[in-house]
Amino acid sequence: MTFRRFDLIAFDWDGTLFDSTAIIARCIQAAVLDVGGQKPSDEAASYVIGMGLMQALAHAAPDVPVERYPLLGDRYRHHYFAIQHEISLFDGVLPMLAALKARGHLLAVATGKSRRGLDEALATSTLAGTFDASRTADQTAGKPDPLMLRELMAEFDVPPERTLMIGDTTHDLQMALNAGCASVGVSYGAHEPEAFVALKPQVVVHDVAQLHDWLHAHA
């Protein structure tokens, strides 16, 4: 029998599996300009990736009045869906996920994307059928609230100590900490890895190959 430390492995989506952070940041900036706000810096636009859409846009555009948030969300979706075909998986993601499935791990997605956005991404990628479950920000509480992970654990009756969260932002790692789960940080996404240390990830990896190797040895 193959040894497993974790039964359930949950992945963030953007910046962890998909090379999408730069595109998302540009779409946030364009949406804010469309509604008359001040363009967020690259750092500010990247920081909010992983949050639910409206929470992210409100944080990135504090000068935009609340009554314009629905239009702000519409403009973000307009820009994002126009270029989502440009987004691709990071190299090495498919063999890594296949190896985890072969070892008997349950795989899940815990993302700040909307249900519609995740379903469309899955339908147009080669990942359809790979994941056993998923939660999106519009289905449950957004990161770093632990409810998303708690719902996934409850669905499969997996305790926190047998659950691993993998993500590229402090929101992901804080969510794992709040849920009592272990985490792994990836440095190739939206947030600078120096901010991960206080959130006690098992390890911080710098590319998918390192993530694959660590999971093979320790998950």
N, C-alpha and C. Protein backbone atom coordinates (compact mmCIF):
# COMPACT_ATOMS: atom_id res chain seq x y z
N MET A 1 0.84 -1.19 0.00
CA MET A 1 0.00 0.00 0.00
C MET A 1 0.88 1.24 0.00
N THR A 2 0.56 2.22 -0.86
CA THR A 2 1.34 3.45 -0.94
C THR A 2 1.05 4.32 0.29
N PHE A 3 2.11 4.78 0.94
CA PHE A 3 1.94 5.65 2.10
C PHE A 3 1.41 7.00 1.66
N ARG A 4 0.40 7.49 2.38
CA ARG A 4 -0.12 8.83 2.15
C ARG A 4 -0.19 9.57 3.48
N ARG A 5 0.38 10.74 3.51
CA ARG A 5 0.24 11.62 4.69
C ARG A 5 -1.07 12.40 4.60
N PHE A 6 -1.47 12.74 3.37
CA PHE A 6 -2.68 13.53 3.16
C PHE A 6 -3.64 12.76 2.25
N ASP A 7 -4.89 12.68 2.67
CA ASP A 7 -5.90 12.04 1.83
C ASP A 7 -6.51 13.02 0.83
N LEU A 8 -6.67 14.27 1.27
CA LEU A 8 -7.30 15.30 0.44
C LEU A 8 -6.29 16.42 0.17
N ILE A 9 -6.08 16.73 -1.10
CA ILE A 9 -5.20 17.83 -1.49
C ILE A 9 -6.02 18.84 -2.27
N ALA A 10 -6.10 20.05 -1.73
CA ALA A 10 -6.87 21.13 -2.37
C ALA A 10 -5.91 22.13 -3.01
N PHE A 11 -6.21 22.49 -4.24
CA PHE A 11 -5.39 23.43 -4.99
C PHE A 11 -6.15 24.73 -5.22
N ASP A 12 -5.45 25.83 -5.04
CA ASP A 12 -5.92 27.08 -5.60
C ASP A 12 -5.83 26.96 -7.13
N TRP A 13 -6.48 27.85 -7.84
CA TRP A 13 -6.51 27.76 -9.30
C TRP A 13 -5.55 28.74 -9.96
N ASP A 14 -5.92 30.03 -9.94
CA ASP A 14 -5.12 31.04 -10.64
C ASP A 14 -3.80 31.28 -9.91
N GLY A 15 -2.71 31.16 -10.64
CA GLY A 15 -1.39 31.37 -10.07
C GLY A 15 -0.78 30.14 -9.43
N THR A 16 -1.58 29.07 -9.30
CA THR A 16 -1.09 27.82 -8.73
C THR A 16 -1.08 26.72 -9.78
N LEU A 17 -2.21 26.53 -10.45
CA LEU A 17 -2.30 25.59 -11.56
C LEU A 17 -2.25 26.30 -12.91
N PHE A 18 -2.87 27.47 -12.97
CA PHE A 18 -2.96 28.22 -14.22
C PHE A 18 -2.09 29.47 -14.18
N ASP A 19 -1.39 29.74 -15.25
CA ASP A 19 -0.51 30.90 -15.37
C ASP A 19 -1.35 32.11 -15.77
N SER A 20 -2.10 32.63 -14.81
CA SER A 20 -3.12 33.63 -15.12
C SER A 20 -3.00 34.92 -14.33
N THR A 21 -2.04 35.02 -13.43
CA THR A 21 -2.03 36.17 -12.53
C THR A 21 -1.81 37.49 -13.25
N ALA A 22 -0.92 37.53 -14.23
CA ALA A 22 -0.66 38.79 -14.94
C ALA A 22 -1.89 39.23 -15.72
N ILE A 23 -2.59 38.28 -16.33
CA ILE A 23 -3.79 38.61 -17.09
C ILE A 23 -4.89 39.11 -16.16
N ILE A 24 -5.08 38.46 -15.02
CA ILE A 24 -6.10 38.89 -14.07
C ILE A 24 -5.80 40.30 -13.58
N ALA A 25 -4.55 40.57 -13.24
CA ALA A 25 -4.18 41.91 -12.77
C ALA A 25 -4.48 42.96 -13.83
N ARG A 26 -4.18 42.67 -15.09
CA ARG A 26 -4.48 43.63 -16.17
C ARG A 26 -5.98 43.86 -16.30
N CYS A 27 -6.77 42.80 -16.14
CA CYS A 27 -8.23 42.93 -16.25
C CYS A 27 -8.79 43.76 -15.10
N ILE A 28 -8.25 43.58 -13.91
CA ILE A 28 -8.67 44.41 -12.77
C ILE A 28 -8.36 45.87 -13.04
N GLN A 29 -7.16 46.15 -13.52
CA GLN A 29 -6.77 47.52 -13.80
C GLN A 29 -7.67 48.15 -14.87
N ALA A 30 -7.95 47.40 -15.93
CA ALA A 30 -8.80 47.91 -17.01
C ALA A 30 -10.21 48.17 -16.52
N ALA A 31 -10.74 47.29 -15.68
CA ALA A 31 -12.10 47.46 -15.17
C ALA A 31 -12.21 48.70 -14.31
N VAL A 32 -11.23 48.95 -13.47
CA VAL A 32 -11.25 50.12 -12.60
C VAL A 32 -11.21 51.40 -13.44
N LEU A 33 -10.38 51.42 -14.45
CA LEU A 33 -10.32 52.58 -15.34
C LEU A 33 -11.65 52.79 -16.07
N ASP A 34 -12.30 51.70 -16.45
CA ASP A 34 -13.57 51.79 -17.17
C ASP A 34 -14.64 52.52 -16.37
N VAL A 35 -14.61 52.37 -15.05
CA VAL A 35 -15.65 53.00 -14.22
C VAL A 35 -15.18 54.30 -13.58
N GLY A 36 -14.02 54.80 -14.04
CA GLY A 36 -13.57 56.11 -13.60
C GLY A 36 -12.70 56.12 -12.37
N GLY A 37 -12.23 54.94 -11.93
CA GLY A 37 -11.35 54.89 -10.78
C GLY A 37 -9.90 55.09 -11.16
N GLN A 38 -9.07 55.24 -10.13
CA GLN A 38 -7.63 55.36 -10.35
C GLN A 38 -7.04 53.99 -10.57
N LYS A 39 -6.21 53.85 -11.59
CA LYS A 39 -5.64 52.55 -11.94
C LYS A 39 -4.85 51.98 -10.77
N PRO A 40 -5.18 50.78 -10.30
CA PRO A 40 -4.38 50.16 -9.22
C PRO A 40 -2.97 49.83 -9.73
N SER A 41 -2.03 49.86 -8.83
CA SER A 41 -0.68 49.44 -9.17
C SER A 41 -0.67 47.95 -9.49
N ASP A 42 0.39 47.51 -10.14
CA ASP A 42 0.52 46.07 -10.42
C ASP A 42 0.48 45.28 -9.11
N GLU A 43 1.14 45.80 -8.08
CA GLU A 43 1.19 45.11 -6.79
C GLU A 43 -0.20 45.02 -6.17
N ALA A 44 -0.95 46.13 -6.20
CA ALA A 44 -2.29 46.14 -5.60
C ALA A 44 -3.23 45.21 -6.36
N ALA A 45 -3.12 45.21 -7.69
CA ALA A 45 -4.00 44.35 -8.49
C ALA A 45 -3.67 42.88 -8.29
N SER A 46 -2.40 42.58 -8.09
CA SER A 46 -2.00 41.18 -7.87
C SER A 46 -2.35 40.70 -6.47
N TYR A 47 -2.30 41.61 -5.49
CA TYR A 47 -2.54 41.20 -4.10
C TYR A 47 -3.92 40.61 -3.91
N VAL A 48 -4.92 41.11 -4.62
CA VAL A 48 -6.30 40.70 -4.37
C VAL A 48 -6.68 39.41 -5.10
N ILE A 49 -5.78 38.89 -5.93
CA ILE A 49 -6.06 37.62 -6.62
C ILE A 49 -6.23 36.52 -5.59
N GLY A 50 -7.28 35.75 -5.75
CA GLY A 50 -7.61 34.70 -4.80
C GLY A 50 -8.81 35.04 -3.94
N MET A 51 -9.10 36.33 -3.80
CA MET A 51 -10.31 36.74 -3.10
C MET A 51 -11.51 36.54 -4.02
N GLY A 52 -12.71 36.60 -3.44
CA GLY A 52 -13.91 36.66 -4.27
C GLY A 52 -13.90 37.92 -5.11
N LEU A 53 -14.58 37.90 -6.25
CA LEU A 53 -14.46 38.99 -7.21
C LEU A 53 -14.79 40.35 -6.61
N MET A 54 -15.96 40.50 -6.00
CA MET A 54 -16.36 41.82 -5.51
C MET A 54 -15.47 42.26 -4.35
N GLN A 55 -15.09 41.34 -3.49
CA GLN A 55 -14.15 41.66 -2.41
C GLN A 55 -12.83 42.15 -2.98
N ALA A 56 -12.36 41.48 -4.03
CA ALA A 56 -11.09 41.84 -4.65
C ALA A 56 -11.16 43.22 -5.30
N LEU A 57 -12.23 43.46 -6.06
CA LEU A 57 -12.35 44.73 -6.77
C LEU A 57 -12.51 45.88 -5.79
N ALA A 58 -13.25 45.67 -4.72
CA ALA A 58 -13.42 46.72 -3.72
C ALA A 58 -12.09 47.07 -3.06
N HIS A 59 -11.27 46.05 -2.81
CA HIS A 59 -9.97 46.28 -2.18
C HIS A 59 -9.02 46.98 -3.14
N ALA A 60 -9.09 46.61 -4.42
CA ALA A 60 -8.16 47.18 -5.40
C ALA A 60 -8.57 48.59 -5.83
N ALA A 61 -9.84 48.94 -5.66
CA ALA A 61 -10.34 50.23 -6.14
C ALA A 61 -11.10 50.94 -5.03
N PRO A 62 -10.42 51.36 -3.96
CA PRO A 62 -11.13 51.98 -2.84
C PRO A 62 -11.78 53.31 -3.18
N ASP A 63 -11.39 53.93 -4.31
CA ASP A 63 -11.97 55.22 -4.70
C ASP A 63 -13.24 55.07 -5.52
N VAL A 64 -13.60 53.84 -5.88
CA VAL A 64 -14.81 53.62 -6.67
C VAL A 64 -16.01 53.50 -5.72
N PRO A 65 -17.07 54.30 -5.94
CA PRO A 65 -18.24 54.25 -5.05
C PRO A 65 -18.90 52.86 -5.06
N VAL A 66 -19.47 52.51 -3.93
CA VAL A 66 -20.09 51.19 -3.78
C VAL A 66 -21.16 50.95 -4.84
N GLU A 67 -21.90 51.99 -5.19
CA GLU A 67 -22.98 51.80 -6.16
C GLU A 67 -22.46 51.45 -7.56
N ARG A 68 -21.17 51.62 -7.78
CA ARG A 68 -20.59 51.27 -9.08
C ARG A 68 -19.94 49.88 -9.07
N TYR A 69 -19.98 49.18 -7.94
CA TYR A 69 -19.38 47.85 -7.86
C TYR A 69 -19.97 46.86 -8.87
N PRO A 70 -21.32 46.83 -9.03
CA PRO A 70 -21.85 45.90 -10.04
C PRO A 70 -21.29 46.16 -11.44
N LEU A 71 -21.18 47.44 -11.82
CA LEU A 71 -20.60 47.77 -13.13
C LEU A 71 -19.12 47.39 -13.16
N LEU A 72 -18.43 47.63 -12.05
CA LEU A 72 -17.02 47.26 -11.97
C LEU A 72 -16.85 45.76 -12.19
N GLY A 73 -17.71 44.95 -11.55
CA GLY A 73 -17.66 43.51 -11.75
C GLY A 73 -17.96 43.13 -13.19
N ASP A 74 -18.94 43.78 -13.79
CA ASP A 74 -19.29 43.49 -15.19
C ASP A 74 -18.12 43.80 -16.11
N ARG A 75 -17.44 44.92 -15.86
CA ARG A 75 -16.31 45.30 -16.73
C ARG A 75 -15.15 44.33 -16.55
N TYR A 76 -14.92 43.87 -15.31
CA TYR A 76 -13.87 42.87 -15.11
C TYR A 76 -14.19 41.61 -15.91
N ARG A 77 -15.41 41.12 -15.78
CA ARG A 77 -15.78 39.89 -16.50
C ARG A 77 -15.67 40.08 -18.00
N HIS A 78 -16.04 41.26 -18.49
CA HIS A 78 -15.92 41.55 -19.92
C HIS A 78 -14.47 41.40 -20.38
N HIS A 79 -13.56 42.02 -19.66
CA HIS A 79 -12.14 41.94 -20.05
C HIS A 79 -11.60 40.52 -19.89
N TYR A 80 -11.98 39.84 -18.80
CA TYR A 80 -11.42 38.52 -18.54
C TYR A 80 -11.90 37.50 -19.56
N PHE A 81 -13.19 37.45 -19.81
CA PHE A 81 -13.71 36.43 -20.72
C PHE A 81 -13.23 36.68 -22.16
N ALA A 82 -12.86 37.92 -22.47
CA ALA A 82 -12.36 38.21 -23.81
C ALA A 82 -10.98 37.61 -24.06
N ILE A 83 -10.22 37.38 -23.00
CA ILE A 83 -8.85 36.90 -23.19
C ILE A 83 -8.55 35.62 -22.42
N GLN A 84 -9.56 34.98 -21.84
CA GLN A 84 -9.28 33.79 -21.03
C GLN A 84 -8.66 32.65 -21.86
N HIS A 85 -8.87 32.69 -23.18
CA HIS A 85 -8.28 31.65 -24.03
C HIS A 85 -6.76 31.74 -24.06
N GLU A 86 -6.21 32.88 -23.61
CA GLU A 86 -4.76 33.04 -23.60
C GLU A 86 -4.12 32.36 -22.39
N ILE A 87 -4.93 31.94 -21.43
CA ILE A 87 -4.41 31.39 -20.18
C ILE A 87 -4.14 29.90 -20.35
N SER A 88 -3.04 29.44 -19.81
CA SER A 88 -2.69 28.02 -19.95
C SER A 88 -2.18 27.47 -18.62
N LEU A 89 -2.20 26.17 -18.51
CA LEU A 89 -1.62 25.50 -17.35
C LEU A 89 -0.13 25.75 -17.28
N PHE A 90 0.39 25.81 -16.06
CA PHE A 90 1.83 25.81 -15.90
C PHE A 90 2.37 24.46 -16.39
N ASP A 91 3.56 24.49 -16.96
CA ASP A 91 4.20 23.25 -17.41
C ASP A 91 4.34 22.28 -16.23
N GLY A 92 3.98 21.04 -16.47
CA GLY A 92 4.15 20.01 -15.45
C GLY A 92 2.94 19.74 -14.59
N VAL A 93 1.88 20.57 -14.71
CA VAL A 93 0.71 20.38 -13.87
C VAL A 93 0.00 19.06 -14.15
N LEU A 94 -0.19 18.73 -15.42
CA LEU A 94 -0.94 17.51 -15.75
C LEU A 94 -0.27 16.25 -15.23
N PRO A 95 1.02 16.02 -15.45
CA PRO A 95 1.64 14.81 -14.89
C PRO A 95 1.65 14.80 -13.37
N MET A 96 1.77 15.97 -12.75
CA MET A 96 1.74 16.02 -11.29
C MET A 96 0.38 15.57 -10.76
N LEU A 97 -0.70 16.07 -11.35
CA LEU A 97 -2.04 15.69 -10.91
C LEU A 97 -2.31 14.21 -11.20
N ALA A 98 -1.85 13.74 -12.33
CA ALA A 98 -2.04 12.33 -12.67
C ALA A 98 -1.34 11.43 -11.66
N ALA A 99 -0.15 11.82 -11.24
CA ALA A 99 0.59 11.02 -10.26
C ALA A 99 -0.13 11.00 -8.92
N LEU A 100 -0.70 12.13 -8.53
CA LEU A 100 -1.44 12.18 -7.27
C LEU A 100 -2.69 11.30 -7.33
N LYS A 101 -3.39 11.34 -8.45
CA LYS A 101 -4.57 10.49 -8.62
C LYS A 101 -4.18 9.02 -8.54
N ALA A 102 -3.05 8.68 -9.16
CA ALA A 102 -2.60 7.29 -9.17
C ALA A 102 -2.26 6.80 -7.76
N ARG A 103 -1.85 7.71 -6.88
CA ARG A 103 -1.54 7.34 -5.50
C ARG A 103 -2.79 7.30 -4.63
N GLY A 104 -3.93 7.66 -5.18
CA GLY A 104 -5.18 7.56 -4.44
C GLY A 104 -5.59 8.80 -3.67
N HIS A 105 -4.93 9.93 -3.90
CA HIS A 105 -5.33 11.16 -3.25
C HIS A 105 -6.65 11.67 -3.83
N LEU A 106 -7.49 12.24 -2.96
CA LEU A 106 -8.63 13.02 -3.41
C LEU A 106 -8.12 14.41 -3.78
N LEU A 107 -8.54 14.92 -4.93
CA LEU A 107 -8.09 16.22 -5.40
C LEU A 107 -9.26 17.19 -5.47
N ALA A 108 -9.04 18.41 -5.00
CA ALA A 108 -10.09 19.41 -5.00
C ALA A 108 -9.53 20.76 -5.44
N VAL A 109 -10.43 21.64 -5.84
CA VAL A 109 -10.10 23.03 -6.15
C VAL A 109 -10.79 23.91 -5.13
N ALA A 110 -10.03 24.85 -4.54
CA ALA A 110 -10.58 25.85 -3.63
C ALA A 110 -10.13 27.21 -4.17
N THR A 111 -11.05 27.93 -4.79
CA THR A 111 -10.66 29.09 -5.58
C THR A 111 -11.52 30.31 -5.33
N GLY A 112 -10.93 31.46 -5.56
CA GLY A 112 -11.68 32.71 -5.51
C GLY A 112 -12.46 32.98 -6.78
N LYS A 113 -12.34 32.12 -7.78
CA LYS A 113 -13.11 32.28 -9.00
C LYS A 113 -14.60 32.08 -8.72
N SER A 114 -15.42 32.50 -9.66
CA SER A 114 -16.84 32.20 -9.58
C SER A 114 -17.09 30.78 -10.07
N ARG A 115 -18.29 30.25 -9.73
CA ARG A 115 -18.65 28.92 -10.23
C ARG A 115 -18.65 28.90 -11.76
N ARG A 116 -19.22 29.92 -12.35
CA ARG A 116 -19.25 29.99 -13.81
C ARG A 116 -17.83 30.02 -14.38
N GLY A 117 -16.97 30.84 -13.76
CA GLY A 117 -15.61 30.96 -14.27
C GLY A 117 -14.84 29.66 -14.17
N LEU A 118 -14.99 28.96 -13.04
CA LEU A 118 -14.28 27.69 -12.88
C LEU A 118 -14.83 26.64 -13.84
N ASP A 119 -16.15 26.56 -13.96
CA ASP A 119 -16.74 25.57 -14.87
C ASP A 119 -16.30 25.79 -16.30
N GLU A 120 -16.24 27.05 -16.72
CA GLU A 120 -15.80 27.34 -18.09
C GLU A 120 -14.32 26.99 -18.26
N ALA A 121 -13.52 27.27 -17.25
CA ALA A 121 -12.10 26.93 -17.34
C ALA A 121 -11.90 25.43 -17.42
N LEU A 122 -12.65 24.68 -16.61
CA LEU A 122 -12.53 23.23 -16.64
C LEU A 122 -13.01 22.66 -17.98
N ALA A 123 -14.05 23.25 -18.53
CA ALA A 123 -14.61 22.75 -19.79
C ALA A 123 -13.67 22.97 -20.95
N THR A 124 -12.82 24.01 -20.85
CA THR A 124 -11.93 24.33 -21.96
C THR A 124 -10.50 23.87 -21.71
N SER A 125 -10.27 23.18 -20.61
CA SER A 125 -8.92 22.70 -20.31
C SER A 125 -8.91 21.18 -20.40
N THR A 126 -7.74 20.63 -20.19
CA THR A 126 -7.60 19.17 -20.20
C THR A 126 -7.77 18.59 -18.79
N LEU A 127 -8.33 19.40 -17.88
CA LEU A 127 -8.48 18.96 -16.50
C LEU A 127 -9.86 18.41 -16.18
N ALA A 128 -10.76 18.41 -17.15
CA ALA A 128 -12.12 17.92 -16.90
C ALA A 128 -12.07 16.50 -16.34
N GLY A 129 -12.74 16.28 -15.22
CA GLY A 129 -12.78 14.97 -14.60
C GLY A 129 -11.63 14.68 -13.65
N THR A 130 -10.67 15.59 -13.55
CA THR A 130 -9.51 15.36 -12.69
C THR A 130 -9.85 15.54 -11.21
N PHE A 131 -10.70 16.51 -10.92
CA PHE A 131 -10.95 16.88 -9.53
C PHE A 131 -12.20 16.21 -8.99
N ASP A 132 -12.12 15.81 -7.74
CA ASP A 132 -13.23 15.12 -7.08
C ASP A 132 -14.27 16.09 -6.54
N ALA A 133 -13.87 17.34 -6.32
CA ALA A 133 -14.79 18.35 -5.80
C ALA A 133 -14.16 19.72 -6.00
N SER A 134 -14.99 20.75 -5.83
CA SER A 134 -14.47 22.11 -5.92
C SER A 134 -15.39 23.04 -5.16
N ARG A 135 -14.83 24.15 -4.72
CA ARG A 135 -15.59 25.23 -4.11
C ARG A 135 -15.11 26.54 -4.69
N THR A 136 -16.05 27.43 -4.95
CA THR A 136 -15.75 28.75 -5.50
C THR A 136 -16.23 29.82 -4.54
N ALA A 137 -15.75 31.04 -4.76
CA ALA A 137 -16.03 32.12 -3.81
C ALA A 137 -17.50 32.49 -3.76
N ASP A 138 -18.25 32.28 -4.85
CA ASP A 138 -19.66 32.64 -4.83
C ASP A 138 -20.54 31.50 -4.31
N GLN A 139 -19.95 30.37 -3.98
CA GLN A 139 -20.70 29.25 -3.39
C GLN A 139 -20.65 29.28 -1.87
N THR A 140 -19.61 29.85 -1.32
CA THR A 140 -19.36 29.76 0.11
C THR A 140 -18.57 31.00 0.52
N ALA A 141 -18.06 31.04 1.73
CA ALA A 141 -17.29 32.18 2.19
C ALA A 141 -15.97 32.27 1.43
N GLY A 142 -15.54 33.48 1.15
CA GLY A 142 -14.28 33.68 0.43
C GLY A 142 -13.08 33.57 1.34
N LYS A 143 -11.94 33.35 0.74
CA LYS A 143 -10.68 33.27 1.47
C LYS A 143 -10.40 34.61 2.17
N PRO A 144 -9.77 34.58 3.35
CA PRO A 144 -9.19 33.43 4.05
C PRO A 144 -10.13 32.74 5.04
N ASP A 145 -11.42 33.00 4.96
CA ASP A 145 -12.37 32.26 5.79
C ASP A 145 -12.18 30.77 5.53
N PRO A 146 -12.15 29.93 6.55
CA PRO A 146 -11.87 28.50 6.37
C PRO A 146 -13.06 27.68 5.87
N LEU A 147 -14.23 28.30 5.70
CA LEU A 147 -15.42 27.52 5.38
C LEU A 147 -15.25 26.70 4.09
N MET A 148 -14.58 27.27 3.10
CA MET A 148 -14.38 26.57 1.83
C MET A 148 -13.68 25.23 2.05
N LEU A 149 -12.62 25.25 2.82
CA LEU A 149 -11.89 24.01 3.11
C LEU A 149 -12.71 23.09 4.02
N ARG A 150 -13.39 23.66 4.98
CA ARG A 150 -14.18 22.83 5.89
C ARG A 150 -15.29 22.09 5.14
N GLU A 151 -15.89 22.73 4.16
CA GLU A 151 -16.92 22.06 3.37
C GLU A 151 -16.33 20.92 2.55
N LEU A 152 -15.16 21.13 1.98
CA LEU A 152 -14.52 20.06 1.22
C LEU A 152 -14.15 18.89 2.13
N MET A 153 -13.64 19.19 3.32
CA MET A 153 -13.29 18.11 4.25
C MET A 153 -14.53 17.34 4.68
N ALA A 154 -15.62 18.07 4.92
CA ALA A 154 -16.86 17.41 5.34
C ALA A 154 -17.42 16.53 4.22
N GLU A 155 -17.27 16.97 2.98
CA GLU A 155 -17.80 16.21 1.85
C GLU A 155 -17.18 14.82 1.78
N PHE A 156 -15.90 14.72 2.13
CA PHE A 156 -15.20 13.44 2.04
C PHE A 156 -14.87 12.83 3.39
N ASP A 157 -15.33 13.48 4.46
CA ASP A 157 -15.07 13.01 5.81
C ASP A 157 -13.56 12.84 6.05
N VAL A 158 -12.82 13.88 5.69
CA VAL A 158 -11.36 13.90 5.87
C VAL A 158 -11.04 14.94 6.95
N PRO A 159 -10.29 14.58 7.99
CA PRO A 159 -9.97 15.54 9.05
C PRO A 159 -8.90 16.54 8.60
N PRO A 160 -8.78 17.67 9.31
CA PRO A 160 -7.79 18.69 8.92
C PRO A 160 -6.36 18.16 8.82
N GLU A 161 -6.00 17.26 9.73
CA GLU A 161 -4.61 16.77 9.72
C GLU A 161 -4.30 15.88 8.51
N ARG A 162 -5.33 15.49 7.77
CA ARG A 162 -5.14 14.68 6.56
C ARG A 162 -5.42 15.49 5.30
N THR A 163 -5.45 16.83 5.45
CA THR A 163 -5.79 17.72 4.34
C THR A 163 -4.64 18.69 4.09
N LEU A 164 -4.33 18.93 2.82
CA LEU A 164 -3.25 19.84 2.42
C LEU A 164 -3.81 20.86 1.45
N MET A 165 -3.51 22.13 1.70
CA MET A 165 -3.90 23.22 0.80
C MET A 165 -2.66 23.76 0.11
N ILE A 166 -2.74 23.94 -1.21
CA ILE A 166 -1.62 24.45 -2.00
C ILE A 166 -2.06 25.72 -2.70
N GLY A 167 -1.30 26.80 -2.51
CA GLY A 167 -1.69 28.06 -3.13
C GLY A 167 -0.56 29.05 -3.26
N ASP A 168 -0.84 30.11 -4.00
CA ASP A 168 0.19 31.10 -4.32
C ASP A 168 0.01 32.42 -3.59
N THR A 169 -0.99 32.50 -2.69
CA THR A 169 -1.24 33.76 -1.99
C THR A 169 -1.32 33.55 -0.49
N THR A 170 -1.15 34.66 0.23
CA THR A 170 -1.34 34.61 1.68
C THR A 170 -2.78 34.26 2.02
N HIS A 171 -3.73 34.60 1.15
CA HIS A 171 -5.13 34.25 1.41
C HIS A 171 -5.29 32.72 1.48
N ASP A 172 -4.61 32.01 0.58
CA ASP A 172 -4.68 30.54 0.57
C ASP A 172 -4.09 29.96 1.85
N LEU A 173 -2.91 30.44 2.22
CA LEU A 173 -2.21 29.86 3.36
C LEU A 173 -2.89 30.23 4.67
N GLN A 174 -3.44 31.44 4.75
CA GLN A 174 -4.18 31.84 5.94
C GLN A 174 -5.45 31.01 6.08
N MET A 175 -6.12 30.73 4.96
CA MET A 175 -7.30 29.87 5.00
C MET A 175 -6.95 28.49 5.55
N ALA A 176 -5.84 27.93 5.09
CA ALA A 176 -5.41 26.62 5.58
C ALA A 176 -5.13 26.68 7.08
N LEU A 177 -4.43 27.72 7.51
CA LEU A 177 -4.11 27.86 8.93
C LEU A 177 -5.40 27.99 9.75
N ASN A 178 -6.35 28.76 9.24
CA ASN A 178 -7.62 28.94 9.94
C ASN A 178 -8.42 27.64 10.04
N ALA A 179 -8.23 26.76 9.04
CA ALA A 179 -8.95 25.49 9.01
C ALA A 179 -8.20 24.38 9.75
N GLY A 180 -7.00 24.66 10.23
CA GLY A 180 -6.20 23.65 10.92
C GLY A 180 -5.52 22.68 9.98
N CYS A 181 -5.35 23.09 8.71
CA CYS A 181 -4.74 22.22 7.70
C CYS A 181 -3.30 22.63 7.43
N ALA A 182 -2.53 21.70 6.92
CA ALA A 182 -1.19 22.00 6.43
C ALA A 182 -1.30 22.72 5.09
N SER A 183 -0.23 23.42 4.72
CA SER A 183 -0.24 24.13 3.44
C SER A 183 1.13 24.07 2.79
N VAL A 184 1.12 24.32 1.49
CA VAL A 184 2.34 24.51 0.70
C VAL A 184 2.17 25.81 -0.07
N GLY A 185 3.18 26.66 -0.03
CA GLY A 185 3.15 27.90 -0.79
C GLY A 185 3.94 27.76 -2.08
N VAL A 186 3.43 28.34 -3.15
CA VAL A 186 4.17 28.38 -4.41
C VAL A 186 4.53 29.83 -4.70
N SER A 187 5.77 30.05 -5.07
CA SER A 187 6.29 31.41 -5.20
C SER A 187 6.14 32.00 -6.59
N TYR A 188 5.57 31.20 -7.53
CA TYR A 188 5.53 31.64 -8.93
C TYR A 188 4.20 32.28 -9.31
N GLY A 189 3.37 32.61 -8.30
CA GLY A 189 2.05 33.19 -8.58
C GLY A 189 1.95 34.65 -8.22
N ALA A 190 0.91 35.01 -7.45
CA ALA A 190 0.56 36.42 -7.26
C ALA A 190 1.32 37.10 -6.13
N HIS A 191 1.67 36.39 -5.06
CA HIS A 191 2.26 37.04 -3.88
C HIS A 191 3.73 36.69 -3.72
N GLU A 192 4.45 37.66 -3.12
CA GLU A 192 5.86 37.44 -2.83
C GLU A 192 5.99 36.41 -1.70
N PRO A 193 6.89 35.45 -1.83
CA PRO A 193 6.95 34.35 -0.86
C PRO A 193 7.42 34.77 0.53
N GLU A 194 8.05 35.94 0.66
CA GLU A 194 8.49 36.38 1.98
C GLU A 194 7.31 36.50 2.94
N ALA A 195 6.12 36.79 2.38
CA ALA A 195 4.94 36.95 3.23
C ALA A 195 4.39 35.62 3.71
N PHE A 196 4.87 34.51 3.17
CA PHE A 196 4.35 33.19 3.53
C PHE A 196 4.87 32.68 4.88
N VAL A 197 6.04 33.15 5.28
CA VAL A 197 6.74 32.55 6.42
C VAL A 197 5.87 32.55 7.68
N ALA A 198 5.20 33.67 7.95
CA ALA A 198 4.40 33.78 9.16
C ALA A 198 3.22 32.82 9.17
N LEU A 199 2.85 32.29 8.00
CA LEU A 199 1.69 31.42 7.88
C LEU A 199 2.06 29.94 7.92
N LYS A 200 3.32 29.65 8.16
CA LYS A 200 3.83 28.31 8.48
C LYS A 200 3.52 27.23 7.44
N PRO A 201 3.79 27.49 6.16
CA PRO A 201 3.62 26.40 5.19
C PRO A 201 4.65 25.30 5.43
N GLN A 202 4.33 24.10 4.97
CA GLN A 202 5.27 23.00 5.07
C GLN A 202 6.53 23.30 4.29
N VAL A 203 6.36 23.96 3.16
CA VAL A 203 7.47 24.28 2.27
C VAL A 203 6.99 25.37 1.31
N VAL A 204 7.93 26.13 0.76
CA VAL A 204 7.64 27.05 -0.35
C VAL A 204 8.43 26.56 -1.55
N VAL A 205 7.73 26.28 -2.64
CA VAL A 205 8.38 25.78 -3.85
C VAL A 205 8.36 26.85 -4.93
N HIS A 206 9.29 26.72 -5.87
CA HIS A 206 9.49 27.80 -6.82
C HIS A 206 9.10 27.45 -8.25
N ASP A 207 8.69 26.22 -8.49
CA ASP A 207 8.13 25.85 -9.79
C ASP A 207 7.35 24.55 -9.62
N VAL A 208 6.64 24.16 -10.66
CA VAL A 208 5.79 22.97 -10.57
C VAL A 208 6.63 21.71 -10.39
N ALA A 209 7.82 21.67 -10.99
CA ALA A 209 8.67 20.49 -10.83
C ALA A 209 9.04 20.28 -9.36
N GLN A 210 9.37 21.35 -8.66
CA GLN A 210 9.67 21.24 -7.23
C GLN A 210 8.44 20.82 -6.44
N LEU A 211 7.28 21.35 -6.82
CA LEU A 211 6.05 20.96 -6.15
C LEU A 211 5.78 19.47 -6.35
N HIS A 212 5.93 19.00 -7.57
CA HIS A 212 5.73 17.59 -7.88
C HIS A 212 6.66 16.72 -7.03
N ASP A 213 7.92 17.09 -6.97
CA ASP A 213 8.90 16.30 -6.21
C ASP A 213 8.55 16.29 -4.73
N TRP A 214 8.17 17.45 -4.19
CA TRP A 214 7.84 17.51 -2.77
C TRP A 214 6.62 16.65 -2.46
N LEU A 215 5.59 16.74 -3.28
CA LEU A 215 4.39 15.95 -3.07
C LEU A 215 4.68 14.46 -3.15
N HIS A 216 5.53 14.06 -4.09
CA HIS A 216 5.88 12.65 -4.21
C HIS A 216 6.57 12.15 -2.95
N ALA A 217 7.40 12.99 -2.35
CA ALA A 217 8.18 12.55 -1.19
C ALA A 217 7.44 12.71 0.13
N HIS A 218 6.53 13.68 0.21
CA HIS A 218 5.98 14.05 1.53
C HIS A 218 4.47 14.00 1.65
N ALA A 219 3.73 13.85 0.54
CA ALA A 219 2.27 13.89 0.64
C ALA A 219 1.68 12.49 0.76
